Amino acid sequence: ASEWSHLVVDADDDQGAAVYAHEITERPIRTQLVVLAACRTADSTLRRTEGPLTLSRPFLVAGASSVIGTLWDVV
Protein backbone atom coordinates (compact mmCIF):
# COMPACT_ATOMS: atom_id res chain seq x y z
CA ALA A 1 0.00 0.00 0.00
CA SER A 2 1.09 3.51 -0.58
CA GLU A 3 2.31 5.37 2.46
CA TRP A 4 -0.74 7.60 1.93
CA SER A 5 -3.20 4.67 2.09
CA HIS A 6 -5.26 4.98 5.23
CA LEU A 7 -8.32 3.92 7.17
CA VAL A 8 -10.81 6.46 8.46
CA VAL A 9 -11.68 5.24 11.93
CA ASP A 10 -14.25 7.87 12.90
CA ALA A 11 -16.62 8.66 10.03
CA ASP A 12 -18.98 10.63 12.31
CA ASP A 13 -16.32 13.27 12.88
CA ASP A 14 -16.23 16.03 10.24
CA GLN A 15 -12.52 15.42 9.63
CA GLY A 16 -12.40 11.72 10.53
CA ALA A 17 -9.46 10.23 12.38
CA ALA A 18 -7.15 8.52 9.90
CA VAL A 19 -4.63 5.74 10.46
CA TYR A 20 -2.02 5.61 7.69
CA ALA A 21 -0.33 2.47 6.35
CA HIS A 22 3.08 3.50 7.65
CA GLU A 23 1.61 4.00 11.15
CA ILE A 24 0.20 0.46 11.09
CA THR A 25 3.60 -1.05 10.27
CA GLU A 26 5.26 0.86 13.12
CA ARG A 27 3.17 -0.81 15.85
CA PRO A 28 3.25 -4.52 16.67
CA ILE A 29 -0.06 -6.31 16.18
CA ARG A 30 -0.74 -9.17 18.54
CA THR A 31 -3.66 -10.87 16.85
CA GLN A 32 -4.13 -13.82 14.57
CA LEU A 33 -6.75 -12.25 12.31
CA VAL A 34 -7.51 -8.75 11.01
CA VAL A 35 -10.78 -8.20 9.11
CA LEU A 36 -10.94 -5.14 6.88
CA ALA A 37 -14.71 -4.83 6.42
CA ALA A 38 -14.93 -1.85 4.09
CA CYS A 39 -15.18 -1.35 0.33
CA ARG A 40 -12.34 -2.75 -1.77
CA THR A 41 -9.79 -3.12 1.03
CA ALA A 42 -8.00 -5.92 -0.86
CA ASP A 43 -8.30 -4.32 -4.30
CA SER A 44 -5.07 -3.05 -5.80
CA THR A 45 -2.94 -2.73 -8.86
CA LEU A 46 -0.54 -5.64 -9.17
CA ARG A 47 3.07 -4.49 -8.97
CA ARG A 48 5.45 -6.57 -11.03
CA THR A 49 8.21 -6.77 -8.42
CA GLU A 50 6.17 -6.49 -5.22
CA GLY A 51 2.82 -8.15 -5.90
CA PRO A 52 -0.45 -6.52 -4.87
CA LEU A 53 -0.08 -3.45 -2.68
CA THR A 54 -3.20 -3.45 -0.52
CA LEU A 55 -4.11 -2.36 2.99
CA SER A 56 -3.50 -5.97 4.03
CA ARG A 57 0.26 -5.63 3.70
CA PRO A 58 0.85 -3.17 6.59
CA PHE A 59 -1.06 -5.45 8.97
CA LEU A 60 0.99 -8.47 7.87
CA VAL A 61 4.23 -6.51 8.27
CA ALA A 62 3.12 -5.49 11.78
CA GLY A 63 2.67 -9.13 12.79
CA ALA A 64 -0.90 -10.21 12.02
CA SER A 65 -1.02 -13.84 10.89
CA SER A 66 -3.95 -13.40 8.49
CA VAL A 67 -5.90 -10.55 6.94
CA ILE A 68 -9.32 -10.74 5.31
CA GLY A 69 -10.22 -7.94 2.90
CA THR A 70 -12.81 -7.33 0.20
CA LEU A 71 -12.53 -7.02 -3.58
CA TRP A 72 -15.97 -5.45 -3.99
CA ASP A 73 -18.13 -2.65 -2.61
CA VAL A 74 -19.67 -3.40 0.78
CA VAL A 75 -23.25 -2.20 0.92
C-alpha atoms as a PDB file:
ATOM      1  CA  ALA A   1       0.000   0.000   0.000  1.00  0.00           C
ATOM      2  CA  SER A   2       1.087   3.508  -0.581  1.00  0.00           C
ATOM      3  CA  GLU A   3       2.305   5.372   2.463  1.00  0.00           C
ATOM      4  CA  TRP A   4      -0.745   7.605   1.935  1.00  0.00           C
ATOM      5  CA  SER A   5      -3.203   4.675   2.089  1.00  0.00           C
ATOM      6  CA  HIS A   6      -5.261   4.981   5.228  1.00  0.00           C
ATOM      7  CA  LEU A   7      -8.319   3.918   7.167  1.00  0.00           C
ATOM      8  CA  VAL A   8     -10.810   6.457   8.463  1.00  0.00           C
ATOM      9  CA  VAL A   9     -11.680   5.244  11.930  1.00  0.00           C
ATOM     10  CA  ASP A  10     -14.249   7.870  12.902  1.00  0.00           C
ATOM     11  CA  ALA A  11     -16.618   8.664  10.031  1.00  0.00           C
ATOM     12  CA  ASP A  12     -18.978  10.633  12.309  1.00  0.00           C
ATOM     13  CA  ASP A  13     -16.317  13.273  12.884  1.00  0.00           C
ATOM     14  CA  ASP A  14     -16.226  16.027  10.241  1.00  0.00           C
ATOM     15  CA  GLN A  15     -12.525  15.417   9.629  1.00  0.00           C
ATOM     16  CA  GLY A  16     -12.399  11.723  10.530  1.00  0.00           C
ATOM     17  CA  ALA A  17      -9.462  10.235  12.378  1.00  0.00           C
ATOM     18  CA  ALA A  18      -7.146   8.518   9.901  1.00  0.00           C
ATOM     19  CA  VAL A  19      -4.628   5.738  10.461  1.00  0.00           C
ATOM     20  CA  TYR A  20      -2.025   5.612   7.687  1.00  0.00           C
ATOM     21  CA  ALA A  21      -0.332   2.469   6.346  1.00  0.00           C
ATOM     22  CA  HIS A  22       3.084   3.501   7.655  1.00  0.00           C
ATOM     23  CA  GLU A  23       1.612   3.999  11.148  1.00  0.00           C
ATOM     24  CA  ILE A  24       0.199   0.460  11.093  1.00  0.00           C
ATOM     25  CA  THR A  25       3.597  -1.050  10.270  1.00  0.00           C
ATOM     26  CA  GLU A  26       5.263   0.855  13.122  1.00  0.00           C
ATOM     27  CA  ARG A  27       3.173  -0.812  15.852  1.00  0.00           C
ATOM     28  CA  PRO A  28       3.246  -4.515  16.667  1.00  0.00           C
ATOM     29  CA  ILE A  29      -0.062  -6.314  16.182  1.00  0.00           C
ATOM     30  CA  ARG A  30      -0.742  -9.175  18.540  1.00  0.00           C
ATOM     31  CA  THR A  31      -3.655 -10.867  16.847  1.00  0.00           C
ATOM     32  CA  GLN A  32      -4.129 -13.823  14.568  1.00  0.00           C
ATOM     33  CA  LEU A  33      -6.750 -12.254  12.308  1.00  0.00           C
ATOM     34  CA  VAL A  34      -7.505  -8.748  11.014  1.00  0.00           C
ATOM     35  CA  VAL A  35     -10.775  -8.199   9.113  1.00  0.00           C
ATOM     36  CA  LEU A  36     -10.939  -5.138   6.875  1.00  0.00           C
ATOM     37  CA  ALA A  37     -14.708  -4.832   6.418  1.00  0.00           C
ATOM     38  CA  ALA A  38     -14.927  -1.854   4.085  1.00  0.00           C
ATOM     39  CA  CYS A  39     -15.185  -1.346   0.331  1.00  0.00           C
ATOM     40  CA  ARG A  40     -12.343  -2.754  -1.775  1.00  0.00           C
ATOM     41  CA  THR A  41      -9.786  -3.123   1.032  1.00  0.00           C
ATOM     42  CA  ALA A  42      -8.001  -5.924  -0.861  1.00  0.00           C
ATOM     43  CA  ASP A  43      -8.304  -4.323  -4.304  1.00  0.00           C
ATOM     44  CA  SER A  44      -5.071  -3.049  -5.797  1.00  0.00           C
ATOM     45  CA  THR A  45      -2.940  -2.731  -8.863  1.00  0.00           C
ATOM     46  CA  LEU A  46      -0.540  -5.636  -9.166  1.00  0.00           C
ATOM     47  CA  ARG A  47       3.074  -4.493  -8.966  1.00  0.00           C
ATOM     48  CA  ARG A  48       5.446  -6.575 -11.031  1.00  0.00           C
ATOM     49  CA  THR A  49       8.212  -6.772  -8.416  1.00  0.00           C
ATOM     50  CA  GLU A  50       6.165  -6.493  -5.222  1.00  0.00           C
ATOM     51  CA  GLY A  51       2.818  -8.155  -5.902  1.00  0.00           C
ATOM     52  CA  PRO A  52      -0.452  -6.517  -4.872  1.00  0.00           C
ATOM     53  CA  LEU A  53      -0.082  -3.454  -2.678  1.00  0.00           C
ATOM     54  CA  THR A  54      -3.201  -3.454  -0.519  1.00  0.00           C
ATOM     55  CA  LEU A  55      -4.105  -2.359   2.991  1.00  0.00           C
ATOM     56  CA  SER A  56      -3.499  -5.969   4.033  1.00  0.00           C
ATOM     57  CA  ARG A  57       0.262  -5.634   3.699  1.00  0.00           C
ATOM     58  CA  PRO A  58       0.852  -3.171   6.585  1.00  0.00           C
ATOM     59  CA  PHE A  59      -1.064  -5.453   8.973  1.00  0.00           C
ATOM     60  CA  LEU A  60       0.987  -8.472   7.873  1.00  0.00           C
ATOM     61  CA  VAL A  61       4.226  -6.506   8.270  1.00  0.00           C
ATOM     62  CA  ALA A  62       3.120  -5.485  11.777  1.00  0.00           C
ATOM     63  CA  GLY A  63       2.670  -9.134  12.789  1.00  0.00           C
ATOM     64  CA  ALA A  64      -0.901 -10.205  12.020  1.00  0.00           C
ATOM     65  CA  SER A  65      -1.022 -13.842  10.892  1.00  0.00           C
ATOM     66  CA  SER A  66      -3.952 -13.401   8.486  1.00  0.00           C
ATOM     67  CA  VAL A  67      -5.902 -10.547   6.938  1.00  0.00           C
ATOM     68  CA  ILE A  68      -9.319 -10.742   5.308  1.00  0.00           C
ATOM     69  CA  GLY A  69     -10.220  -7.939   2.896  1.00  0.00           C
ATOM     70  CA  THR A  70     -12.814  -7.328   0.195  1.00  0.00           C
ATOM     71  CA  LEU A  71     -12.528  -7.018  -3.580  1.00  0.00           C
ATOM     72  CA  TRP A  72     -15.969  -5.447  -3.992  1.00  0.00           C
ATOM     73  CA  ASP A  73     -18.130  -2.654  -2.612  1.00  0.00           C
ATOM     74  CA  VAL A  74     -19.667  -3.400   0.778  1.00  0.00           C
ATOM     75  CA  VAL A  75     -23.252  -2.197   0.923  1.00  0.00           C
END
